[in-house]
Amino acid sequence: MKIKDLIAKTPEVSEEKLLEFINSNKHYLRSTTSRSVYSRNKEEDDTHAILKEYDKIQEKTSYLSKSQREEISGFVGWCMIQMVKADGESRSNDTLGTIPEIEEIRDNPESE
């Protein structure tokens, strides 16, 4: 799925916010991966180059090695997950304490 589609499906994420988050965390990428991405996308700045390479990976047109493709995909995914979280805590109510227990349903309740 392309980055534009992901952003459209996630209301907490905007492209500007994602670019800022990537820019502040791009130091987590290995230097070899960073150099490869930046050299293949010279016309873009660093953060746009990462997103452009992510789209190429999704389209299966990227020339990065498998480990570099996995690193970029994981990094962009991690950035999006971190953006959805609020101060390290999930905004979702689906925490362990709030999930209701599921009752066991049997085909024939009279067979007990």
N, C-alpha and C. Protein backbone atom coordinates (compact mmCIF):
# COMPACT_ATOMS: atom_id res chain seq x y z
N MET A 1 0.85 -1.17 0.00
CA MET A 1 0.00 0.00 0.00
C MET A 1 0.89 1.23 0.00
N LYS A 2 0.62 2.15 -0.89
CA LYS A 2 1.42 3.35 -1.00
C LYS A 2 1.22 4.25 0.22
N ILE A 3 2.19 5.12 0.46
CA ILE A 3 2.16 5.99 1.64
C ILE A 3 0.95 6.93 1.61
N LYS A 4 0.57 7.41 0.45
CA LYS A 4 -0.60 8.30 0.35
C LYS A 4 -1.87 7.57 0.79
N ASP A 5 -1.99 6.28 0.44
CA ASP A 5 -3.15 5.49 0.85
C ASP A 5 -3.14 5.25 2.35
N LEU A 6 -1.96 4.97 2.91
CA LEU A 6 -1.86 4.77 4.36
C LEU A 6 -2.25 6.02 5.13
N ILE A 7 -1.78 7.15 4.66
CA ILE A 7 -2.09 8.42 5.32
C ILE A 7 -3.58 8.71 5.23
N ALA A 8 -4.17 8.42 4.09
CA ALA A 8 -5.61 8.67 3.91
C ALA A 8 -6.45 7.80 4.83
N LYS A 9 -5.98 6.59 5.15
CA LYS A 9 -6.73 5.68 6.01
C LYS A 9 -6.45 5.89 7.49
N THR A 10 -5.50 6.72 7.83
CA THR A 10 -5.13 6.95 9.22
C THR A 10 -5.33 8.42 9.55
N PRO A 11 -6.43 8.80 10.19
CA PRO A 11 -6.71 10.22 10.42
C PRO A 11 -5.72 10.90 11.36
N GLU A 12 -5.03 10.13 12.19
CA GLU A 12 -4.07 10.73 13.13
C GLU A 12 -2.78 11.16 12.44
N VAL A 13 -2.59 10.71 11.21
CA VAL A 13 -1.33 10.92 10.51
C VAL A 13 -1.53 11.86 9.32
N SER A 14 -0.71 12.88 9.25
CA SER A 14 -0.67 13.72 8.06
C SER A 14 0.73 13.59 7.46
N GLU A 15 0.85 13.91 6.20
CA GLU A 15 2.16 13.76 5.55
C GLU A 15 3.19 14.68 6.20
N GLU A 16 2.78 15.90 6.56
CA GLU A 16 3.72 16.84 7.18
C GLU A 16 4.20 16.31 8.53
N LYS A 17 3.26 15.77 9.33
CA LYS A 17 3.63 15.22 10.63
C LYS A 17 4.55 14.02 10.46
N LEU A 18 4.23 13.18 9.48
CA LEU A 18 5.06 11.99 9.24
C LEU A 18 6.46 12.39 8.80
N LEU A 19 6.57 13.39 7.92
CA LEU A 19 7.88 13.86 7.48
C LEU A 19 8.70 14.41 8.65
N GLU A 20 8.05 15.15 9.54
CA GLU A 20 8.74 15.67 10.73
C GLU A 20 9.22 14.53 11.61
N PHE A 21 8.37 13.53 11.80
CA PHE A 21 8.73 12.40 12.66
C PHE A 21 9.88 11.60 12.05
N ILE A 22 9.81 11.37 10.75
CA ILE A 22 10.90 10.66 10.07
C ILE A 22 12.20 11.45 10.17
N ASN A 23 12.12 12.76 9.97
CA ASN A 23 13.31 13.60 10.05
C ASN A 23 13.95 13.53 11.43
N SER A 24 13.14 13.51 12.47
CA SER A 24 13.71 13.49 13.82
C SER A 24 14.19 12.10 14.23
N ASN A 25 13.84 11.06 13.48
CA ASN A 25 14.24 9.70 13.85
C ASN A 25 15.05 8.97 12.79
N LYS A 26 15.43 9.66 11.71
CA LYS A 26 16.14 8.98 10.63
C LYS A 26 17.52 8.48 11.04
N HIS A 27 18.02 8.95 12.16
CA HIS A 27 19.32 8.48 12.65
C HIS A 27 19.27 7.01 13.08
N TYR A 28 18.05 6.44 13.21
CA TYR A 28 17.93 5.02 13.56
C TYR A 28 18.23 4.10 12.37
N LEU A 29 18.19 4.63 11.18
CA LEU A 29 18.52 3.83 10.00
C LEU A 29 20.03 3.59 9.94
N ARG A 30 20.42 2.43 9.45
CA ARG A 30 21.85 2.16 9.26
C ARG A 30 22.40 3.13 8.23
N SER A 31 23.65 3.51 8.38
CA SER A 31 24.25 4.49 7.48
C SER A 31 24.32 3.96 6.04
N THR A 32 24.52 2.66 5.87
CA THR A 32 24.57 2.10 4.52
C THR A 32 23.20 2.20 3.84
N THR A 33 22.15 1.97 4.61
CA THR A 33 20.79 2.07 4.06
C THR A 33 20.48 3.51 3.71
N SER A 34 20.83 4.42 4.60
CA SER A 34 20.57 5.84 4.36
C SER A 34 21.28 6.31 3.09
N ARG A 35 22.55 5.96 2.97
CA ARG A 35 23.30 6.38 1.78
C ARG A 35 22.70 5.82 0.51
N SER A 36 22.27 4.56 0.55
CA SER A 36 21.67 3.95 -0.64
C SER A 36 20.38 4.65 -1.02
N VAL A 37 19.55 4.96 -0.04
CA VAL A 37 18.27 5.63 -0.32
C VAL A 37 18.51 7.03 -0.85
N TYR A 38 19.41 7.76 -0.22
CA TYR A 38 19.66 9.15 -0.64
C TYR A 38 20.31 9.21 -2.01
N SER A 39 21.19 8.26 -2.32
CA SER A 39 21.85 8.28 -3.63
C SER A 39 20.89 7.93 -4.77
N ARG A 40 19.89 7.12 -4.48
CA ARG A 40 18.90 6.74 -5.51
C ARG A 40 17.83 7.80 -5.70
N ASN A 41 17.70 8.71 -4.76
CA ASN A 41 16.68 9.75 -4.82
C ASN A 41 17.33 11.11 -4.58
N LYS A 42 18.29 11.45 -5.42
CA LYS A 42 19.09 12.67 -5.23
C LYS A 42 18.28 13.95 -5.33
N GLU A 43 17.21 13.92 -6.10
CA GLU A 43 16.43 15.15 -6.27
C GLU A 43 15.56 15.47 -5.05
N GLU A 44 15.41 14.51 -4.15
CA GLU A 44 14.56 14.69 -2.96
C GLU A 44 15.42 15.01 -1.75
N ASP A 45 14.81 15.68 -0.74
CA ASP A 45 15.52 15.80 0.53
C ASP A 45 15.45 14.45 1.24
N ASP A 46 16.14 14.31 2.36
CA ASP A 46 16.28 13.01 3.02
C ASP A 46 14.95 12.36 3.37
N THR A 47 14.05 13.12 4.00
CA THR A 47 12.79 12.53 4.45
C THR A 47 11.89 12.15 3.28
N HIS A 48 11.84 12.99 2.25
CA HIS A 48 11.05 12.65 1.07
C HIS A 48 11.65 11.44 0.35
N ALA A 49 12.97 11.32 0.39
CA ALA A 49 13.64 10.19 -0.25
C ALA A 49 13.24 8.88 0.43
N ILE A 50 13.11 8.90 1.74
CA ILE A 50 12.70 7.70 2.47
C ILE A 50 11.28 7.30 2.07
N LEU A 51 10.37 8.28 2.02
CA LEU A 51 8.99 7.97 1.63
C LEU A 51 8.90 7.52 0.18
N LYS A 52 9.69 8.13 -0.68
CA LYS A 52 9.70 7.74 -2.10
C LYS A 52 10.20 6.31 -2.24
N GLU A 53 11.23 5.97 -1.49
CA GLU A 53 11.76 4.61 -1.54
C GLU A 53 10.75 3.62 -0.95
N TYR A 54 10.02 4.02 0.07
CA TYR A 54 8.97 3.17 0.64
C TYR A 54 7.93 2.85 -0.44
N ASP A 55 7.52 3.84 -1.19
CA ASP A 55 6.56 3.61 -2.28
C ASP A 55 7.14 2.69 -3.34
N LYS A 56 8.42 2.85 -3.66
CA LYS A 56 9.06 1.96 -4.64
C LYS A 56 9.07 0.52 -4.13
N ILE A 57 9.28 0.36 -2.83
CA ILE A 57 9.27 -0.99 -2.24
C ILE A 57 7.88 -1.60 -2.39
N GLN A 58 6.85 -0.81 -2.13
CA GLN A 58 5.48 -1.31 -2.24
C GLN A 58 5.14 -1.67 -3.69
N GLU A 59 5.69 -0.93 -4.64
CA GLU A 59 5.45 -1.19 -6.07
C GLU A 59 6.37 -2.28 -6.61
N LYS A 60 7.29 -2.75 -5.76
CA LYS A 60 8.29 -3.76 -6.15
C LYS A 60 9.22 -3.27 -7.25
N THR A 61 9.57 -1.98 -7.20
CA THR A 61 10.50 -1.42 -8.17
C THR A 61 11.78 -0.91 -7.51
N SER A 62 11.96 -1.21 -6.24
CA SER A 62 13.14 -0.75 -5.51
C SER A 62 14.34 -1.62 -5.84
N TYR A 63 15.51 -0.99 -5.92
CA TYR A 63 16.75 -1.73 -6.20
C TYR A 63 17.59 -1.92 -4.94
N LEU A 64 17.02 -1.66 -3.78
CA LEU A 64 17.74 -1.90 -2.53
C LEU A 64 17.83 -3.40 -2.26
N SER A 65 18.76 -3.77 -1.40
CA SER A 65 18.84 -5.18 -1.01
C SER A 65 17.63 -5.54 -0.16
N LYS A 66 17.41 -6.83 0.02
CA LYS A 66 16.25 -7.28 0.79
C LYS A 66 16.28 -6.73 2.21
N SER A 67 17.43 -6.77 2.86
CA SER A 67 17.52 -6.28 4.24
C SER A 67 17.28 -4.76 4.30
N GLN A 68 17.74 -4.03 3.28
CA GLN A 68 17.50 -2.59 3.25
C GLN A 68 16.03 -2.28 3.01
N ARG A 69 15.39 -3.05 2.13
CA ARG A 69 13.95 -2.86 1.90
C ARG A 69 13.16 -3.13 3.16
N GLU A 70 13.52 -4.20 3.86
CA GLU A 70 12.84 -4.52 5.12
C GLU A 70 13.07 -3.43 6.16
N GLU A 71 14.27 -2.88 6.19
CA GLU A 71 14.58 -1.83 7.15
C GLU A 71 13.75 -0.57 6.88
N ILE A 72 13.65 -0.17 5.61
CA ILE A 72 12.86 1.02 5.26
C ILE A 72 11.39 0.78 5.56
N SER A 73 10.86 -0.38 5.17
CA SER A 73 9.45 -0.69 5.43
C SER A 73 9.17 -0.70 6.93
N GLY A 74 10.04 -1.32 7.68
CA GLY A 74 9.87 -1.37 9.13
C GLY A 74 9.98 0.00 9.77
N PHE A 75 10.91 0.80 9.29
CA PHE A 75 11.12 2.14 9.85
C PHE A 75 9.90 3.03 9.62
N VAL A 76 9.37 3.05 8.39
CA VAL A 76 8.21 3.88 8.09
C VAL A 76 7.00 3.37 8.87
N GLY A 77 6.84 2.05 8.96
CA GLY A 77 5.75 1.49 9.75
C GLY A 77 5.86 1.86 11.22
N TRP A 78 7.08 1.78 11.75
CA TRP A 78 7.31 2.15 13.15
C TRP A 78 6.99 3.63 13.37
N CYS A 79 7.39 4.48 12.44
CA CYS A 79 7.10 5.91 12.56
C CYS A 79 5.60 6.16 12.60
N MET A 80 4.87 5.47 11.76
CA MET A 80 3.41 5.65 11.74
C MET A 80 2.78 5.16 13.04
N ILE A 81 3.24 4.04 13.55
CA ILE A 81 2.71 3.52 14.81
C ILE A 81 3.00 4.49 15.94
N GLN A 82 4.22 5.01 16.00
CA GLN A 82 4.58 5.95 17.06
C GLN A 82 3.77 7.23 16.99
N MET A 83 3.42 7.64 15.78
CA MET A 83 2.62 8.86 15.63
C MET A 83 1.20 8.66 16.15
N VAL A 84 0.66 7.45 15.98
CA VAL A 84 -0.69 7.17 16.42
C VAL A 84 -0.76 7.08 17.95
N LYS A 85 0.34 6.70 18.56
CA LYS A 85 0.36 6.62 20.02
C LYS A 85 0.41 8.03 20.63
N ALA A 86 -0.18 8.15 21.79
CA ALA A 86 -0.16 9.44 22.49
C ALA A 86 0.77 9.32 23.70
N ASP A 87 1.91 9.99 23.63
CA ASP A 87 2.89 9.98 24.72
C ASP A 87 3.26 8.57 25.17
N GLY A 88 3.43 7.69 24.22
CA GLY A 88 3.83 6.33 24.54
C GLY A 88 2.69 5.43 24.96
N GLU A 89 1.48 5.93 25.09
CA GLU A 89 0.34 5.12 25.46
C GLU A 89 -0.62 5.09 24.29
N SER A 90 -1.20 3.95 24.05
CA SER A 90 -2.12 3.80 22.92
C SER A 90 -3.39 4.60 23.17
N ARG A 91 -3.91 5.22 22.11
CA ARG A 91 -5.17 5.94 22.22
C ARG A 91 -6.35 4.99 22.22
N SER A 92 -6.12 3.76 21.88
CA SER A 92 -7.18 2.78 21.78
C SER A 92 -7.59 2.29 23.16
N ASN A 93 -8.83 1.90 23.30
CA ASN A 93 -9.32 1.34 24.56
C ASN A 93 -9.10 -0.16 24.60
N ASP A 94 -8.46 -0.71 23.61
CA ASP A 94 -8.26 -2.15 23.53
C ASP A 94 -7.05 -2.60 24.33
N THR A 95 -6.97 -2.19 25.57
CA THR A 95 -5.89 -2.66 26.43
C THR A 95 -6.35 -3.94 27.10
N LEU A 96 -5.44 -4.64 27.71
CA LEU A 96 -5.73 -5.95 28.27
C LEU A 96 -6.87 -5.89 29.29
N GLY A 97 -6.94 -4.84 30.08
CA GLY A 97 -7.95 -4.76 31.13
C GLY A 97 -9.34 -4.46 30.62
N THR A 98 -9.50 -4.00 29.41
CA THR A 98 -10.82 -3.61 28.93
C THR A 98 -11.42 -4.56 27.91
N ILE A 99 -10.70 -5.61 27.56
CA ILE A 99 -11.26 -6.57 26.60
C ILE A 99 -12.19 -7.50 27.36
N PRO A 100 -13.45 -7.57 26.97
CA PRO A 100 -14.38 -8.44 27.69
C PRO A 100 -14.05 -9.90 27.46
N GLU A 101 -14.36 -10.70 28.45
CA GLU A 101 -14.13 -12.13 28.30
C GLU A 101 -15.17 -12.70 27.35
N ILE A 102 -14.76 -13.67 26.58
CA ILE A 102 -15.65 -14.29 25.61
C ILE A 102 -16.28 -15.52 26.26
N GLU A 103 -17.60 -15.61 26.18
CA GLU A 103 -18.28 -16.76 26.73
C GLU A 103 -18.13 -17.94 25.79
N GLU A 104 -18.00 -19.11 26.38
CA GLU A 104 -17.87 -20.30 25.56
C GLU A 104 -19.26 -20.69 25.04
N ILE A 105 -19.34 -20.92 23.77
CA ILE A 105 -20.60 -21.31 23.15
C ILE A 105 -20.44 -22.72 22.61
N ARG A 106 -21.35 -23.58 23.01
CA ARG A 106 -21.29 -24.97 22.55
C ARG A 106 -22.42 -25.23 21.58
N ASP A 107 -22.20 -26.21 20.74
CA ASP A 107 -23.23 -26.56 19.76
C ASP A 107 -24.48 -27.11 20.44
N ASN A 108 -24.30 -27.94 21.43
CA ASN A 108 -25.44 -28.55 22.11
C ASN A 108 -25.29 -28.32 23.61
N PRO A 109 -25.91 -27.27 24.16
CA PRO A 109 -25.73 -26.98 25.59
C PRO A 109 -26.35 -28.03 26.50
N GLU A 110 -27.23 -28.87 26.01
CA GLU A 110 -27.87 -29.88 26.84
C GLU A 110 -26.99 -31.10 27.06
N SER A 111 -25.87 -31.21 26.33
CA SER A 111 -25.03 -32.39 26.41
C SER A 111 -24.09 -32.38 27.62
N GLU A 112 -24.22 -31.42 28.49
CA GLU A 112 -23.31 -31.32 29.65
C GLU A 112 -23.63 -32.30 30.70
